[in-house]
């Protein structure tokens, strides 16, 4: 307790005006009070002030990380790929529009040709064209009927067995023909 009484920061539970926080500038104020009224000390030698040009500070050369270079190249590559994708998309869109226009034209032409085809095979038109060409309906004496009620028959004639020489020549002929055909 005696040490607490000597401590200027300890107040024995009495009320305090101000703050109980530590005064960090206390040592500076004490030194100023002890040296108050004294003349400032002069240094024995007066120093000659030499004005030098300030030196220009040069930054050191910075090294670029290989990962930075690779990352930059990857980003540029991806940007080029995206642009190429957009170009292809634009080309495909233009092709699609052109093909749709061509499809519409072809559908119109198909309708026109179908109508023309149906006109050509109109029975009245065909009859008129046949009569104009001099065709007439056949009379009953011109009609012939074929009776296919009997079974079919075919006659196969046997050939004589070719001689050995004929077979060899035929085989040789087919071989030469196959080689010529292969290289043509």
N, C-alpha and C. Protein backbone atom coordinates (compact mmCIF):
# COMPACT_ATOMS: atom_id res chain seq x y z
N UNK A 1 0.81 -1.19 0.00
CA UNK A 1 0.00 0.00 0.00
C UNK A 1 0.86 1.25 0.00
N UNK A 2 1.99 1.18 0.60
CA UNK A 2 2.88 2.33 0.63
C UNK A 2 3.37 2.64 -0.77
N UNK A 3 3.61 1.60 -1.56
CA UNK A 3 4.04 1.84 -2.94
C UNK A 3 2.89 2.45 -3.74
N UNK A 4 1.68 2.12 -3.40
CA UNK A 4 0.54 2.68 -4.09
C UNK A 4 0.38 4.15 -3.76
N UNK A 5 0.73 4.58 -2.56
CA UNK A 5 0.60 5.98 -2.18
C UNK A 5 1.63 6.82 -2.91
N UNK A 6 2.80 6.26 -3.19
CA UNK A 6 3.82 7.01 -3.90
C UNK A 6 3.56 7.08 -5.41
N UNK A 7 2.77 6.20 -5.88
CA UNK A 7 2.47 6.18 -7.31
C UNK A 7 1.52 7.31 -7.64
N UNK A 8 1.90 8.24 -8.56
CA UNK A 8 1.02 9.37 -8.87
C UNK A 8 -0.24 8.93 -9.61
N UNK A 9 -0.26 7.73 -10.10
CA UNK A 9 -1.40 7.27 -10.88
C UNK A 9 -2.46 6.63 -9.99
N UNK A 10 -2.12 6.37 -8.76
CA UNK A 10 -3.04 5.71 -7.85
C UNK A 10 -3.69 6.75 -6.97
N UNK A 11 -4.99 6.79 -6.83
CA UNK A 11 -5.68 7.87 -6.13
C UNK A 11 -6.52 7.41 -4.96
N UNK A 12 -6.35 6.27 -4.45
CA UNK A 12 -7.04 5.74 -3.28
C UNK A 12 -8.55 5.85 -3.36
N UNK A 13 -9.11 5.64 -4.53
CA UNK A 13 -10.55 5.62 -4.68
C UNK A 13 -11.17 7.00 -4.67
N UNK A 14 -10.37 8.10 -4.67
CA UNK A 14 -10.93 9.45 -4.70
C UNK A 14 -11.37 9.77 -6.12
N UNK A 15 -12.24 10.71 -6.26
CA UNK A 15 -12.69 11.10 -7.59
C UNK A 15 -11.58 11.86 -8.30
N UNK A 16 -11.55 11.75 -9.60
CA UNK A 16 -10.48 12.33 -10.39
C UNK A 16 -11.12 13.17 -11.48
N UNK A 17 -10.57 14.38 -11.68
CA UNK A 17 -11.01 15.20 -12.80
C UNK A 17 -10.12 14.84 -13.99
N UNK A 18 -10.73 14.45 -15.07
CA UNK A 18 -9.93 14.13 -16.26
C UNK A 18 -9.88 12.63 -16.50
N UNK A 19 -8.81 12.22 -17.09
CA UNK A 19 -8.68 10.83 -17.53
C UNK A 19 -7.63 10.12 -16.71
N UNK A 20 -7.83 8.86 -16.47
CA UNK A 20 -6.85 8.04 -15.78
C UNK A 20 -5.93 7.31 -16.76
N UNK A 21 -6.01 7.67 -18.05
CA UNK A 21 -5.17 7.02 -19.04
C UNK A 21 -3.73 7.46 -18.86
N UNK A 22 -2.81 6.61 -19.23
CA UNK A 22 -1.39 6.95 -19.13
C UNK A 22 -1.09 8.14 -20.00
N UNK A 23 -0.26 9.06 -19.47
CA UNK A 23 0.15 10.24 -20.22
C UNK A 23 1.46 9.90 -20.91
N UNK A 24 1.44 9.74 -22.21
CA UNK A 24 2.62 9.31 -22.95
C UNK A 24 3.59 10.46 -23.20
N UNK A 25 3.14 11.68 -23.07
CA UNK A 25 4.02 12.82 -23.28
C UNK A 25 4.60 13.36 -21.97
N UNK A 26 4.49 12.65 -20.92
CA UNK A 26 4.93 13.09 -19.60
C UNK A 26 6.44 13.33 -19.56
N UNK A 27 7.22 12.45 -20.14
CA UNK A 27 8.68 12.58 -20.10
C UNK A 27 9.12 13.80 -20.91
N UNK A 28 8.47 14.09 -22.00
CA UNK A 28 8.84 15.24 -22.83
C UNK A 28 8.56 16.54 -22.07
N UNK A 29 7.40 16.60 -21.41
CA UNK A 29 7.07 17.81 -20.63
C UNK A 29 8.02 17.99 -19.45
N UNK A 30 8.40 16.95 -18.80
CA UNK A 30 9.33 17.05 -17.67
C UNK A 30 10.68 17.59 -18.11
N UNK A 31 11.21 17.13 -19.27
CA UNK A 31 12.48 17.61 -19.78
C UNK A 31 12.38 19.08 -20.14
N UNK A 32 11.26 19.49 -20.73
CA UNK A 32 11.09 20.89 -21.09
C UNK A 32 11.04 21.77 -19.84
N UNK A 33 10.42 21.30 -18.79
CA UNK A 33 10.34 22.09 -17.55
C UNK A 33 11.71 22.21 -16.89
N UNK A 34 12.50 21.17 -16.93
CA UNK A 34 13.82 21.25 -16.29
C UNK A 34 14.77 22.14 -17.07
N UNK A 35 14.61 22.24 -18.35
CA UNK A 35 15.52 23.06 -19.16
C UNK A 35 14.88 24.38 -19.53
N UNK A 36 13.83 24.82 -18.88
CA UNK A 36 13.17 26.07 -19.20
C UNK A 36 14.07 27.22 -18.79
N UNK A 37 14.16 28.24 -19.62
CA UNK A 37 14.95 29.42 -19.33
C UNK A 37 16.40 29.29 -19.77
N UNK A 38 16.86 28.20 -20.17
CA UNK A 38 18.24 28.03 -20.64
C UNK A 38 18.31 28.41 -22.12
N UNK A 39 19.48 28.89 -22.50
CA UNK A 39 19.71 29.20 -23.90
C UNK A 39 19.99 27.90 -24.64
N UNK A 40 19.61 27.88 -25.86
CA UNK A 40 19.89 26.65 -26.60
C UNK A 40 21.39 26.46 -26.79
N UNK A 41 21.81 25.29 -26.69
CA UNK A 41 23.24 24.99 -26.83
C UNK A 41 23.63 25.08 -28.30
N UNK A 42 24.82 25.66 -28.50
CA UNK A 42 25.34 25.77 -29.84
C UNK A 42 26.37 24.70 -30.05
N UNK A 43 26.39 24.25 -31.24
CA UNK A 43 27.42 23.27 -31.54
C UNK A 43 28.71 24.03 -31.77
N UNK A 44 29.79 23.40 -31.43
CA UNK A 44 31.07 24.10 -31.47
C UNK A 44 31.49 24.42 -32.89
N UNK A 45 31.25 23.52 -33.82
CA UNK A 45 31.63 23.78 -35.19
C UNK A 45 30.37 24.05 -36.00
N UNK A 46 30.45 25.09 -36.73
CA UNK A 46 29.35 25.33 -37.62
C UNK A 46 29.59 24.50 -38.89
N UNK A 47 28.63 23.80 -39.21
CA UNK A 47 28.77 22.94 -40.37
C UNK A 47 28.41 23.72 -41.63
N UNK A 48 29.19 23.49 -42.64
CA UNK A 48 28.95 24.13 -43.92
C UNK A 48 27.96 23.24 -44.67
N UNK A 49 26.92 23.85 -45.04
CA UNK A 49 25.89 23.09 -45.74
C UNK A 49 26.23 23.03 -47.22
N UNK A 50 26.31 21.85 -47.70
CA UNK A 50 26.60 21.64 -49.11
C UNK A 50 25.32 21.13 -49.75
N UNK A 51 24.93 21.84 -50.74
CA UNK A 51 23.72 21.43 -51.44
C UNK A 51 24.12 20.46 -52.57
N UNK A 52 23.61 19.29 -52.46
CA UNK A 52 23.87 18.30 -53.50
C UNK A 52 22.59 18.07 -54.29
N UNK A 53 22.83 17.74 -55.49
CA UNK A 53 21.68 17.40 -56.30
C UNK A 53 21.10 16.10 -55.77
N UNK A 54 19.81 16.07 -55.72
CA UNK A 54 19.23 14.79 -55.29
C UNK A 54 19.49 13.73 -56.36
N UNK A 55 19.86 12.59 -55.91
CA UNK A 55 20.13 11.50 -56.84
C UNK A 55 18.81 10.93 -57.33
N UNK A 56 18.81 10.66 -58.59
CA UNK A 56 17.63 10.08 -59.21
C UNK A 56 17.61 8.60 -58.85
N UNK A 57 16.51 8.22 -58.29
CA UNK A 57 16.40 6.82 -57.94
C UNK A 57 15.88 6.04 -59.15
N UNK A 58 16.63 5.05 -59.53
CA UNK A 58 16.26 4.24 -60.67
C UNK A 58 15.65 2.95 -60.15
N UNK A 59 14.49 2.67 -60.67
CA UNK A 59 13.85 1.42 -60.25
C UNK A 59 14.64 0.25 -60.79
N UNK A 60 14.65 -0.79 -60.01
CA UNK A 60 15.31 -2.00 -60.49
C UNK A 60 14.45 -2.62 -61.58
N UNK A 61 15.13 -3.31 -62.47
CA UNK A 61 14.42 -3.99 -63.55
C UNK A 61 13.56 -5.08 -62.94
N UNK A 62 12.30 -5.03 -63.27
CA UNK A 62 11.39 -6.02 -62.71
C UNK A 62 11.29 -7.21 -63.64
N UNK A 63 11.27 -8.37 -63.06
CA UNK A 63 11.17 -9.60 -63.85
C UNK A 63 9.71 -9.99 -63.96
N UNK A 64 9.33 -10.41 -65.15
CA UNK A 64 7.96 -10.83 -65.41
C UNK A 64 7.88 -12.33 -65.15
N UNK A 65 6.91 -12.71 -64.40
CA UNK A 65 6.72 -14.12 -64.06
C UNK A 65 6.28 -14.89 -65.29
N UNK A 66 6.79 -16.11 -65.47
CA UNK A 66 6.33 -16.92 -66.61
C UNK A 66 4.84 -17.25 -66.52
N UNK A 67 4.33 -17.36 -65.31
CA UNK A 67 2.91 -17.63 -65.14
C UNK A 67 2.07 -16.45 -65.63
N UNK A 68 2.59 -15.24 -65.43
CA UNK A 68 1.89 -14.05 -65.92
C UNK A 68 1.84 -14.06 -67.45
N UNK A 69 2.97 -14.41 -68.06
CA UNK A 69 3.02 -14.46 -69.52
C UNK A 69 2.07 -15.54 -70.03
N UNK A 70 2.12 -16.73 -69.43
CA UNK A 70 1.23 -17.81 -69.85
C UNK A 70 -0.24 -17.45 -69.64
N UNK A 71 -0.55 -16.82 -68.51
CA UNK A 71 -1.92 -16.42 -68.24
C UNK A 71 -2.42 -15.39 -69.25
N UNK A 72 -1.55 -14.43 -69.57
CA UNK A 72 -1.91 -13.40 -70.56
C UNK A 72 -2.13 -14.03 -71.92
N UNK A 73 -1.24 -14.96 -72.29
CA UNK A 73 -1.40 -15.64 -73.58
C UNK A 73 -2.68 -16.46 -73.60
N UNK A 74 -3.02 -17.10 -72.48
CA UNK A 74 -4.26 -17.89 -72.43
C UNK A 74 -5.47 -16.99 -72.57
N UNK A 75 -5.46 -15.83 -71.92
CA UNK A 75 -6.59 -14.90 -72.01
C UNK A 75 -6.73 -14.38 -73.44
N UNK A 76 -5.61 -14.02 -74.06
CA UNK A 76 -5.66 -13.54 -75.44
C UNK A 76 -6.16 -14.64 -76.37
N UNK A 77 -5.67 -15.87 -76.14
CA UNK A 77 -6.13 -17.00 -76.96
C UNK A 77 -7.62 -17.23 -76.81
N UNK A 78 -8.11 -17.18 -75.59
CA UNK A 78 -9.55 -17.37 -75.36
C UNK A 78 -10.36 -16.25 -76.03
N UNK A 79 -9.84 -15.02 -75.97
CA UNK A 79 -10.55 -13.91 -76.61
C UNK A 79 -10.61 -14.12 -78.12
N UNK A 80 -9.50 -14.60 -78.71
CA UNK A 80 -9.49 -14.87 -80.15
C UNK A 80 -10.49 -15.99 -80.47
N UNK A 81 -10.53 -17.03 -79.64
CA UNK A 81 -11.47 -18.12 -79.87
C UNK A 81 -12.92 -17.65 -79.78
N UNK A 82 -13.20 -16.78 -78.83
CA UNK A 82 -14.57 -16.24 -78.70
C UNK A 82 -14.92 -15.43 -79.94
N UNK A 83 -13.98 -14.60 -80.40
CA UNK A 83 -14.24 -13.81 -81.61
C UNK A 83 -14.45 -14.71 -82.83
N UNK A 84 -13.64 -15.76 -82.94
CA UNK A 84 -13.81 -16.69 -84.06
C UNK A 84 -15.17 -17.39 -83.97
N UNK A 85 -15.61 -17.71 -82.75
CA UNK A 85 -16.93 -18.31 -82.58
C UNK A 85 -18.04 -17.37 -83.02
N UNK A 86 -17.90 -16.09 -82.67
CA UNK A 86 -18.90 -15.12 -83.10
C UNK A 86 -18.90 -14.97 -84.62
N UNK A 87 -17.72 -15.02 -85.22
CA UNK A 87 -17.64 -14.91 -86.68
C UNK A 87 -18.34 -16.10 -87.32
N UNK A 88 -18.06 -17.30 -86.82
CA UNK A 88 -18.71 -18.49 -87.38
C UNK A 88 -20.22 -18.43 -87.17
N UNK A 89 -20.65 -17.96 -86.01
CA UNK A 89 -22.08 -17.84 -85.75
C UNK A 89 -22.74 -16.87 -86.73
N UNK A 90 -22.07 -15.76 -87.00
CA UNK A 90 -22.61 -14.78 -87.94
C UNK A 90 -22.69 -15.37 -89.35
N UNK A 91 -21.65 -16.10 -89.75
CA UNK A 91 -21.65 -16.71 -91.08
C UNK A 91 -22.77 -17.74 -91.18
N UNK A 92 -22.92 -18.56 -90.15
CA UNK A 92 -23.99 -19.57 -90.17
C UNK A 92 -25.37 -18.93 -90.18
N UNK A 93 -25.53 -17.83 -89.46
CA UNK A 93 -26.82 -17.13 -89.48
C UNK A 93 -27.12 -16.60 -90.88
N UNK A 94 -26.12 -16.03 -91.53
CA UNK A 94 -26.32 -15.53 -92.89
C UNK A 94 -26.65 -16.68 -93.84
N UNK A 95 -25.96 -17.81 -93.69
CA UNK A 95 -26.25 -18.98 -94.53
C UNK A 95 -27.66 -19.49 -94.29
N UNK A 96 -28.08 -19.49 -93.03
CA UNK A 96 -29.43 -19.96 -92.70
C UNK A 96 -30.48 -19.07 -93.35
N UNK A 97 -30.29 -17.77 -93.29
CA UNK A 97 -31.24 -16.84 -93.92
C UNK A 97 -31.28 -17.07 -95.43
N UNK A 98 -30.10 -17.25 -96.04
CA UNK A 98 -30.06 -17.49 -97.49
C UNK A 98 -30.77 -18.79 -97.84
N UNK A 99 -30.55 -19.84 -97.05
CA UNK A 99 -31.20 -21.12 -97.32
C UNK A 99 -32.71 -21.05 -97.12
N UNK A 100 -33.15 -20.28 -96.13
CA UNK A 100 -34.60 -20.12 -95.93
C UNK A 100 -35.23 -19.40 -97.11
N UNK A 101 -34.54 -18.38 -97.62
CA UNK A 101 -35.05 -17.68 -98.81
C UNK A 101 -35.11 -18.62 -100.01
N UNK A 102 -34.06 -19.43 -100.19
CA UNK A 102 -34.04 -20.39 -101.30
C UNK A 102 -35.14 -21.43 -101.13
N UNK A 103 -35.39 -21.87 -99.89
CA UNK A 103 -36.46 -22.84 -99.64
C UNK A 103 -37.82 -22.25 -100.02
N UNK A 104 -38.05 -21.00 -99.65
CA UNK A 104 -39.32 -20.36 -100.00
C UNK A 104 -39.48 -20.27 -101.52
N UNK A 105 -38.40 -19.94 -102.22
CA UNK A 105 -38.45 -19.86 -103.68
C UNK A 105 -38.74 -21.24 -104.28
N UNK A 106 -38.06 -22.27 -103.76
CA UNK A 106 -38.28 -23.62 -104.27
C UNK A 106 -39.69 -24.14 -103.98
N UNK A 107 -40.25 -23.79 -102.84
CA UNK A 107 -41.63 -24.21 -102.53
C UNK A 107 -42.61 -23.55 -103.50
N UNK A 108 -42.36 -22.29 -103.82
CA UNK A 108 -43.22 -21.60 -104.80
C UNK A 108 -43.10 -22.27 -106.17
N UNK A 109 -41.88 -22.59 -106.58
CA UNK A 109 -41.68 -23.24 -107.87
C UNK A 109 -42.29 -24.65 -107.87
N UNK A 110 -42.19 -25.37 -106.74
CA UNK A 110 -42.80 -26.70 -106.64
C UNK A 110 -44.31 -26.62 -106.82
N UNK A 111 -44.93 -25.64 -106.21
CA UNK A 111 -46.38 -25.46 -106.34
C UNK A 111 -46.75 -25.18 -107.80
N UNK A 112 -45.98 -24.34 -108.47
CA UNK A 112 -46.24 -24.01 -109.88
C UNK A 112 -46.07 -25.25 -110.75
N UNK A 113 -45.00 -26.02 -110.52
CA UNK A 113 -44.76 -27.21 -111.35
C UNK A 113 -45.79 -28.31 -111.07
N UNK A 114 -46.22 -28.45 -109.82
CA UNK A 114 -47.26 -29.43 -109.50
C UNK A 114 -48.56 -29.09 -110.22
N UNK A 115 -48.89 -27.83 -110.25
CA UNK A 115 -50.10 -27.40 -110.95
C UNK A 115 -49.98 -27.68 -112.43
N UNK A 116 -48.82 -27.41 -112.99
CA UNK A 116 -48.60 -27.67 -114.40
C UNK A 116 -48.66 -29.17 -114.69
N UNK A 117 -48.10 -29.98 -113.82
CA UNK A 117 -48.13 -31.44 -113.96
C UNK A 117 -49.57 -31.97 -113.95
N UNK A 118 -50.36 -31.45 -113.01
CA UNK A 118 -51.74 -31.90 -112.93
C UNK A 118 -52.53 -31.48 -114.17
N UNK A 119 -52.18 -30.35 -114.75
CA UNK A 119 -52.84 -29.92 -115.99
C UNK A 119 -52.52 -30.88 -117.13
N UNK A 120 -51.26 -31.36 -117.15
CA UNK A 120 -50.85 -32.24 -118.24
C UNK A 120 -51.56 -33.59 -118.17
N UNK A 121 -51.88 -34.06 -116.99
CA UNK A 121 -52.51 -35.36 -116.86
C UNK A 121 -54.01 -35.27 -116.58
N UNK A 122 -54.58 -34.17 -116.92
CA UNK A 122 -56.03 -34.04 -116.85
C UNK A 122 -56.59 -34.90 -117.99
N UNK A 123 -57.54 -35.78 -117.69
CA UNK A 123 -58.05 -36.73 -118.68
C UNK A 123 -58.64 -36.04 -119.91
N UNK A 124 -59.26 -34.93 -119.68
CA UNK A 124 -59.84 -34.21 -120.82
C UNK A 124 -58.71 -33.69 -121.71
N UNK A 125 -57.65 -33.19 -121.12
CA UNK A 125 -56.53 -32.67 -121.89
C UNK A 125 -55.83 -33.79 -122.64
N UNK A 126 -55.67 -34.95 -121.97
CA UNK A 126 -55.03 -36.10 -122.62
C UNK A 126 -55.88 -36.59 -123.79
N UNK A 127 -57.17 -36.66 -123.61
CA UNK A 127 -58.08 -37.12 -124.67
C UNK A 127 -58.00 -36.18 -125.87
N UNK A 128 -57.98 -34.86 -125.59
CA UNK A 128 -57.88 -33.89 -126.68
C UNK A 128 -56.56 -34.04 -127.42
N UNK A 129 -55.45 -34.23 -126.66
CA UNK A 129 -54.14 -34.37 -127.29
C UNK A 129 -54.08 -35.65 -128.12
N UNK A 130 -54.69 -36.75 -127.64
CA UNK A 130 -54.70 -38.02 -128.38
C UNK A 130 -55.53 -37.90 -129.65
N UNK A 131 -56.67 -37.28 -129.60
CA UNK A 131 -57.52 -37.11 -130.77
C UNK A 131 -56.85 -36.20 -131.79
N UNK A 132 -56.10 -35.17 -131.26
CA UNK A 132 -55.40 -34.27 -132.17
C UNK A 132 -54.29 -35.00 -132.90
N UNK A 133 -53.70 -36.03 -132.25
CA UNK A 133 -52.62 -36.80 -132.86
C UNK A 133 -53.17 -37.90 -133.77
N UNK A 134 -54.49 -38.08 -133.84
CA UNK A 134 -55.11 -39.07 -134.71
C UNK A 134 -55.34 -40.41 -134.03
N UNK A 135 -55.29 -40.48 -132.74
CA UNK A 135 -55.52 -41.72 -132.02
C UNK A 135 -57.02 -41.89 -131.79
N UNK A 136 -57.45 -43.17 -131.87
CA UNK A 136 -58.84 -43.49 -131.59
C UNK A 136 -58.88 -44.71 -130.68
N UNK A 137 -60.01 -44.95 -130.05
CA UNK A 137 -60.14 -46.12 -129.18
C UNK A 137 -60.16 -47.38 -130.04
N UNK A 138 -59.54 -48.50 -129.57
CA UNK A 138 -59.54 -49.73 -130.37
C UNK A 138 -60.94 -50.34 -130.41
N UNK A 139 -61.22 -50.97 -131.50
CA UNK A 139 -62.50 -51.67 -131.65
C UNK A 139 -62.31 -53.10 -131.14
N UNK A 140 -63.38 -53.85 -130.99
CA UNK A 140 -63.31 -55.19 -130.40
C UNK A 140 -62.50 -56.17 -131.24
N UNK A 141 -62.43 -55.97 -132.53
CA UNK A 141 -61.64 -56.87 -133.37
C UNK A 141 -60.13 -56.67 -133.18
N UNK A 142 -59.73 -55.52 -132.62
CA UNK A 142 -58.32 -55.24 -132.42
C UNK A 142 -57.83 -55.73 -131.05
N UNK A 143 -58.70 -56.20 -130.22
CA UNK A 143 -58.31 -56.60 -128.87
C UNK A 143 -57.99 -58.08 -128.88
N UNK A 144 -56.85 -58.47 -128.40
CA UNK A 144 -56.42 -59.87 -128.28
C UNK A 144 -56.21 -60.19 -126.82
N UNK A 145 -56.64 -61.39 -126.43
CA UNK A 145 -56.45 -61.82 -125.06
C UNK A 145 -55.44 -62.95 -125.03
N UNK A 146 -54.57 -63.02 -124.06
CA UNK A 146 -53.57 -64.07 -123.91
C UNK A 146 -53.99 -64.94 -122.75
N UNK A 147 -53.99 -66.24 -122.93
CA UNK A 147 -54.38 -67.18 -121.89
C UNK A 147 -53.12 -67.69 -121.20
N UNK A 148 -52.95 -67.38 -119.95
CA UNK A 148 -51.78 -67.80 -119.18
C UNK A 148 -52.17 -68.80 -118.10
N UNK A 149 -53.24 -69.53 -118.30
CA UNK A 149 -53.69 -70.46 -117.28
C UNK A 149 -52.84 -71.72 -117.24
N UNK A 150 -52.19 -72.11 -118.35
CA UNK A 150 -51.33 -73.28 -118.33
C UNK A 150 -50.03 -72.94 -117.64
N UNK A 151 -49.31 -73.95 -117.19
CA UNK A 151 -48.05 -73.75 -116.50
C UNK A 151 -46.96 -73.27 -117.44
N UNK A 152 -45.97 -72.68 -116.89
CA UNK A 152 -44.84 -72.20 -117.67
C UNK A 152 -43.89 -73.35 -117.99
N UNK A 153 -43.25 -73.27 -119.08
CA UNK A 153 -42.27 -74.29 -119.42
C UNK A 153 -41.10 -73.63 -120.13
N UNK A 154 -39.91 -74.24 -119.93
CA UNK A 154 -38.71 -73.73 -120.57
C UNK A 154 -37.88 -74.91 -121.00
N UNK A 155 -37.23 -74.78 -122.10
CA UNK A 155 -36.39 -75.85 -122.62
C UNK A 155 -34.94 -75.40 -122.50
N UNK A 156 -34.12 -76.24 -121.85
CA UNK A 156 -32.71 -75.93 -121.69
C UNK A 156 -31.94 -76.95 -122.51
N UNK A 157 -31.12 -76.48 -123.38
CA UNK A 157 -30.30 -77.36 -124.21
C UNK A 157 -28.94 -77.49 -123.56
N UNK A 158 -28.42 -78.68 -123.52
CA UNK A 158 -27.12 -78.95 -122.95
C UNK A 158 -26.05 -78.65 -123.98
N UNK A 159 -25.02 -78.01 -123.51
CA UNK A 159 -23.88 -77.78 -124.38
C UNK A 159 -22.90 -78.93 -124.22
N UNK A 160 -22.12 -79.13 -125.21
CA UNK A 160 -21.10 -80.16 -125.11
C UNK A 160 -20.02 -79.67 -124.17
N UNK A 161 -19.36 -80.60 -123.48
CA UNK A 161 -18.26 -80.23 -122.60
C UNK A 161 -17.12 -79.68 -123.44
N UNK A 162 -16.62 -78.52 -123.07
CA UNK A 162 -15.52 -77.96 -123.85
C UNK A 162 -14.26 -78.78 -123.63
N UNK A 163 -13.41 -78.70 -124.57
CA UNK A 163 -12.16 -79.46 -124.47
C UNK A 163 -11.23 -78.77 -123.47
N UNK A 164 -10.18 -79.45 -123.11
CA UNK A 164 -9.23 -78.93 -122.14
C UNK A 164 -8.56 -77.69 -122.69
N UNK A 165 -8.23 -77.71 -123.94
CA UNK A 165 -7.57 -76.57 -124.56
C UNK A 165 -8.48 -75.35 -124.55
N UNK A 166 -9.77 -75.54 -124.80
CA UNK A 166 -10.73 -74.45 -124.79
C UNK A 166 -10.86 -73.87 -123.38
N UNK A 167 -10.93 -74.75 -122.39
CA UNK A 167 -11.02 -74.27 -121.00
C UNK A 167 -9.78 -73.49 -120.60
N UNK A 168 -8.58 -73.94 -120.97
CA UNK A 168 -7.34 -73.25 -120.62
C UNK A 168 -7.32 -71.88 -121.28
N UNK A 169 -7.69 -71.80 -122.56
CA UNK A 169 -7.70 -70.52 -123.26
C UNK A 169 -8.73 -69.56 -122.65
N UNK A 170 -9.89 -70.09 -122.29
CA UNK A 170 -10.92 -69.25 -121.66
C UNK A 170 -10.43 -68.73 -120.31
N UNK A 171 -9.80 -69.59 -119.54
CA UNK A 171 -9.28 -69.20 -118.23
C UNK A 171 -8.19 -68.15 -118.38
N UNK A 172 -7.30 -68.33 -119.34
CA UNK A 172 -6.24 -67.37 -119.60
C UNK A 172 -6.82 -66.03 -120.05
N UNK A 173 -7.83 -66.09 -120.91
CA UNK A 173 -8.49 -64.87 -121.37
C UNK A 173 -9.11 -64.10 -120.20
N UNK A 174 -9.80 -64.80 -119.29
CA UNK A 174 -10.41 -64.14 -118.12
C UNK A 174 -9.34 -63.56 -117.20
N UNK A 175 -8.21 -64.24 -117.03
CA UNK A 175 -7.11 -63.75 -116.18
C UNK A 175 -6.52 -62.47 -116.72
N UNK A 176 -6.23 -62.46 -118.03
CA UNK A 176 -5.67 -61.26 -118.66
C UNK A 176 -6.67 -60.12 -118.56
N UNK A 177 -7.91 -60.40 -118.81
CA UNK A 177 -8.96 -59.37 -118.74
C UNK A 177 -9.04 -58.79 -117.32
N UNK A 178 -8.94 -59.64 -116.30
CA UNK A 178 -9.01 -59.17 -114.91
C UNK A 178 -7.83 -58.28 -114.57
N UNK A 179 -6.62 -58.63 -115.04
CA UNK A 179 -5.43 -57.80 -114.78
C UNK A 179 -5.57 -56.45 -115.45
N UNK A 180 -6.00 -56.44 -116.72
CA UNK A 180 -6.18 -55.19 -117.44
C UNK A 180 -7.23 -54.33 -116.77
N UNK A 181 -8.30 -54.93 -116.34
CA UNK A 181 -9.36 -54.19 -115.67
C UNK A 181 -8.90 -53.62 -114.33
N UNK A 182 -8.04 -54.36 -113.63
CA UNK A 182 -7.53 -53.90 -112.33
C UNK A 182 -6.68 -52.64 -112.48
N UNK A 183 -5.85 -52.57 -113.50
CA UNK A 183 -4.96 -51.44 -113.67
C UNK A 183 -5.60 -50.26 -114.39
N UNK A 184 -6.78 -50.44 -114.92
CA UNK A 184 -7.46 -49.31 -115.57
C UNK A 184 -8.16 -48.47 -114.60
